[in-house]
Protein backbone atom coordinates (compact mmCIF):
# COMPACT_ATOMS: atom_id res chain seq x y z
CA MET A 1 88.42 74.01 145.57
CA THR A 2 86.68 72.45 148.74
CA ASP A 3 83.27 73.48 147.68
CA THR A 4 83.75 71.86 144.16
CA THR A 5 84.99 68.67 145.73
CA SER A 6 81.97 68.69 148.28
CA THR A 7 79.37 69.04 145.72
CA GLN A 8 80.88 66.15 143.37
CA PRO A 9 79.20 63.32 145.31
CA ALA A 10 75.85 65.17 145.32
CA ASP A 11 76.15 65.75 141.62
CA THR A 12 76.99 62.06 140.95
CA ALA A 13 74.05 60.97 142.99
CA ARG A 14 71.73 63.15 141.29
CA ALA A 15 72.89 62.07 137.97
CA SER A 16 72.49 58.51 139.02
CA GLU A 17 68.96 59.22 140.16
CA LEU A 18 68.01 60.91 136.75
CA GLY A 19 69.59 58.15 134.95
CA THR A 20 67.31 55.52 136.79
CA VAL A 21 64.33 57.49 136.08
CA ALA A 22 65.30 57.89 132.35
CA ARG A 23 65.96 54.36 132.18
CA PHE A 24 62.64 53.51 133.55
CA LEU A 25 60.75 55.76 131.25
CA LYS A 26 62.87 54.35 128.26
CA ALA A 27 62.10 50.68 129.27
CA THR A 28 58.35 51.25 129.80
CA GLU A 29 58.22 53.76 126.73
CA LEU A 30 56.08 56.12 128.98
CA ASP A 31 55.48 59.60 127.31
CA THR A 32 56.43 62.25 129.92
CA ARG A 33 54.17 64.83 128.29
CA MET A 34 51.27 62.29 128.29
CA LEU A 35 51.88 61.81 131.94
CA GLY A 36 51.71 65.50 132.57
CA MET A 37 48.43 65.69 130.84
CA ILE A 38 47.07 62.70 132.87
CA GLY A 39 48.31 64.45 136.02
CA ALA A 40 46.67 67.66 135.06
CA LEU A 41 43.33 65.84 134.25
CA LEU A 42 43.27 64.13 137.62
CA LEU A 43 43.90 67.40 139.35
CA ILE A 44 40.85 68.87 137.57
CA TRP A 45 38.82 65.94 138.49
CA VAL A 46 39.77 66.05 142.26
CA GLY A 47 39.46 69.84 142.24
CA LEU A 48 36.05 69.70 140.77
CA HIS A 49 34.96 66.84 143.22
CA VAL A 50 36.34 68.77 146.27
CA ILE A 51 34.34 72.06 145.05
CA SER A 52 31.16 70.28 144.59
CA SER A 53 31.57 68.56 148.04
CA LEU A 54 32.09 71.89 149.62
CA ARG A 55 29.26 73.51 147.93
CA LEU A 56 26.79 70.69 149.03
CA GLY A 57 28.47 70.53 152.54
CA VAL A 58 29.40 67.16 152.64
CA ASN A 59 32.69 65.44 153.11
CA PRO A 60 34.86 64.84 149.96
CA LEU A 61 35.80 61.40 151.18
CA ASP A 62 32.28 60.25 151.44
CA PHE A 63 31.69 60.48 147.55
CA ASP A 64 28.13 61.64 147.82
CA SER A 65 26.07 60.85 144.71
CA ARG A 66 25.75 64.50 143.95
CA THR A 67 29.45 65.18 143.74
CA PHE A 68 31.63 65.04 140.67
CA LEU A 69 33.67 61.69 141.41
CA THR A 70 30.80 59.09 141.31
CA PRO A 71 30.84 55.86 139.13
CA ARG A 72 27.65 57.25 137.31
CA ASN A 73 29.37 60.49 136.53
CA LEU A 74 32.65 58.91 135.38
CA TRP A 75 30.55 56.57 133.11
CA ASN A 76 28.86 59.56 131.63
CA LEU A 77 32.23 61.16 130.89
CA SER A 78 33.60 58.07 129.37
CA VAL A 79 30.60 57.68 127.03
CA GLN A 80 30.61 61.21 126.11
CA THR A 81 34.27 61.36 125.44
CA SER A 82 34.38 58.04 123.40
CA ALA A 83 33.38 59.79 120.36
CA VAL A 84 35.95 62.57 120.84
CA ALA A 85 38.70 60.01 121.12
CA ILE A 86 37.60 58.41 117.87
CA MET A 87 37.73 61.66 116.16
CA ALA A 88 40.96 62.51 117.84
CA SER A 89 42.39 59.30 116.40
CA GLY A 90 41.66 60.55 112.93
CA MET A 91 43.07 63.91 113.76
CA VAL A 92 46.46 62.57 114.33
CA LEU A 93 46.95 62.11 110.58
CA VAL A 94 45.81 65.50 109.79
CA ILE A 95 48.07 66.98 112.33
CA VAL A 96 51.17 64.86 111.11
CA MET A 97 50.51 66.38 107.69
CA ARG A 98 50.84 69.84 109.48
CA ASN A 99 47.20 70.79 108.99
CA ILE A 100 44.30 71.21 111.29
CA ASP A 101 40.49 70.43 111.29
CA LEU A 102 38.39 72.63 113.35
CA SER A 103 35.13 71.49 111.97
CA VAL A 104 35.27 67.77 112.96
CA GLY A 105 32.92 68.35 116.04
CA SER A 106 30.37 70.10 113.91
CA ALA A 107 30.61 67.51 111.12
CA GLU A 108 30.03 64.88 113.60
CA GLY A 109 26.84 66.63 114.79
CA VAL A 110 25.29 67.28 111.37
CA ILE A 111 25.97 63.66 110.29
CA GLY A 112 24.41 62.34 113.51
CA MET A 113 21.43 64.50 112.97
CA VAL A 114 21.18 63.32 109.31
CA MET A 115 21.12 59.59 110.24
CA GLY A 116 18.51 60.29 113.03
CA PHE A 117 16.31 62.26 110.55
CA ALA A 118 16.69 59.50 107.99
CA GLN A 119 15.42 56.98 110.37
CA VAL A 120 12.57 58.69 111.72
CA HIS A 121 11.41 60.80 108.53
CA PHE A 122 13.05 59.84 105.36
CA LEU A 123 13.28 55.86 105.50
CA VAL A 124 9.93 55.59 107.24
CA ARG A 125 7.86 58.09 105.39
CA PHE A 126 9.22 58.20 101.89
CA VAL A 127 11.09 54.62 101.60
CA GLY A 128 8.25 52.84 103.30
CA LEU A 129 10.36 51.01 105.96
CA GLU A 130 8.78 50.50 109.28
CA LEU A 131 10.43 51.12 112.55
CA GLY A 132 12.07 48.02 113.69
CA ASN A 133 13.10 46.87 109.95
CA PRO A 134 16.53 45.36 110.04
CA TRP A 135 17.53 47.59 107.08
CA ILE A 136 16.84 50.88 108.84
CA TRP A 137 20.09 51.00 110.95
CA VAL A 138 22.25 49.63 107.94
CA LEU A 139 20.93 52.19 105.68
CA ALA A 140 21.30 55.03 108.25
CA LEU A 141 24.95 54.17 108.79
CA LEU A 142 25.49 54.14 105.13
CA ILE A 143 24.01 57.56 104.78
CA GLY A 144 26.29 58.67 107.49
CA LEU A 145 29.47 57.38 106.09
CA ALA A 146 28.39 58.87 102.69
CA LEU A 147 27.84 62.37 104.17
CA GLY A 148 31.15 62.16 106.25
CA LEU A 149 33.12 61.23 102.98
CA LEU A 150 31.37 64.15 101.19
CA ILE A 151 32.15 66.80 103.71
CA GLY A 152 35.82 65.43 103.86
CA ALA A 153 36.15 65.54 100.10
CA PHE A 154 34.64 68.85 99.83
CA GLN A 155 36.93 70.58 102.41
CA GLY A 156 39.94 68.51 101.22
CA PHE A 157 39.29 69.65 97.61
CA VAL A 158 39.20 73.40 98.76
CA ILE A 159 42.28 73.02 100.81
CA ALA A 160 44.38 70.90 98.39
CA TYR A 161 43.31 72.16 95.05
CA LEU A 162 42.03 75.71 95.74
CA GLU A 163 44.99 76.26 98.15
CA VAL A 164 42.85 77.83 100.84
CA PRO A 165 44.53 77.34 104.25
CA ALA A 166 42.92 74.62 106.21
CA PHE A 167 42.41 76.82 109.32
CA ILE A 168 40.14 79.15 107.42
CA VAL A 169 38.35 76.20 105.48
CA THR A 170 37.54 74.25 108.65
CA LEU A 171 36.70 77.22 110.61
CA GLY A 172 34.08 78.14 108.20
CA GLY A 173 32.94 74.44 108.23
CA LEU A 174 32.72 74.57 112.06
CA LEU A 175 30.12 77.25 111.63
CA VAL A 176 28.30 75.84 108.48
CA TRP A 177 27.93 72.41 109.58
CA ARG A 178 26.69 73.57 113.13
CA GLY A 179 24.05 75.46 111.62
CA ALA A 180 23.16 72.62 109.30
CA ALA A 181 22.69 70.25 112.16
CA TRP A 182 20.11 72.68 113.32
CA TRP A 183 18.55 73.30 109.98
CA VAL A 184 17.92 69.62 109.35
CA THR A 185 15.88 69.11 112.57
CA SER A 186 14.67 72.66 113.06
CA GLY A 187 16.18 72.40 116.60
CA GLN A 188 13.78 69.45 117.41
CA THR A 189 14.48 66.28 119.09
CA VAL A 190 14.67 63.43 116.64
CA ALA A 191 12.97 60.22 117.96
CA PRO A 192 12.30 57.32 118.20
CA LEU A 193 15.47 55.78 116.79
CA ASP A 194 16.02 52.18 115.73
CA ALA A 195 16.93 50.03 118.73
CA THR A 196 19.98 48.38 117.09
CA PHE A 197 21.23 51.75 115.88
CA GLN A 198 21.06 53.01 119.39
CA LEU A 199 23.41 50.26 120.51
CA MET A 200 26.22 51.82 118.11
CA GLY A 201 26.37 54.51 120.68
CA GLY A 202 26.63 52.35 123.71
CA GLY A 203 24.28 52.57 126.65
CA PRO A 204 24.13 51.40 130.44
CA ALA A 205 25.27 47.97 129.41
CA GLY A 206 27.43 49.03 126.47
CA SER A 207 26.97 47.84 122.83
CA ILE A 208 27.97 44.23 123.60
CA GLY A 209 27.32 44.03 127.33
CA ALA A 210 29.30 44.51 130.43
CA LYS A 211 31.07 40.96 130.32
CA TRP A 212 32.00 41.00 126.65
CA SER A 213 33.03 44.56 126.97
CA TRP A 214 35.58 43.47 129.78
CA VAL A 215 36.68 40.42 127.45
CA VAL A 216 37.29 42.64 124.27
CA GLY A 217 39.15 45.07 126.63
CA ILE A 218 41.53 42.50 128.06
CA VAL A 219 42.08 40.58 124.61
CA ALA A 220 43.04 44.06 123.11
CA CYS A 221 45.56 44.89 125.91
CA LEU A 222 47.08 41.49 125.67
CA ALA A 223 47.37 41.77 121.80
CA VAL A 224 49.03 45.16 122.23
CA ILE A 225 51.51 43.58 124.77
CA PHE A 226 52.22 40.69 122.47
CA MET A 227 52.79 42.83 119.42
CA HIS A 228 54.93 45.14 121.43
CA TYR A 229 57.41 42.28 122.51
CA ASN A 230 57.16 40.23 119.41
CA GLY A 231 56.99 43.04 116.65
């Protein structure tokens, strides 16, 4: 009886503490699963930084230019993962419908190669447009959009009308489109590309420059906050 009574204040305090945390998470609408993934990502980054520092024989707190956590390397990661983030946004709709698309990365690869091939070979040699023509990057983007629609429509038709499981169709697409990306260019580098087209993929100063990138980011954050509290 004494043990039960003595544990009641501790249980009450623990419940109050958990209630505070729960109220904070509810008020801020933070997803604990997302926080867990972010924490795991930070642990991986710190681990890679420490390992690279130890292998080079430098102090991890010095942030040597050859280690992992450097501004240049984080910039590279941001640029390289931006395309993946855009594709992941589209994948949300697929997953919500209880399907999966394993071919999205390979499809992106072949579409990019076709757009590059169109600029260097097709539009220049066969259409007669010179490099630097303002129509080259527009036509290249239209070709990429059309090819993406065709790939998506074909795989969607097989899944929806022929009733082949999405896992099987997109797994096959992963291999087919990866091979197609190599076949289009024969494994060779595609260059030179239109200067305006290259801005679509960012660059050292981003597509619109450092200053306007910050402006757009701040405006977007303010818009999200405004819609959240007035929606």
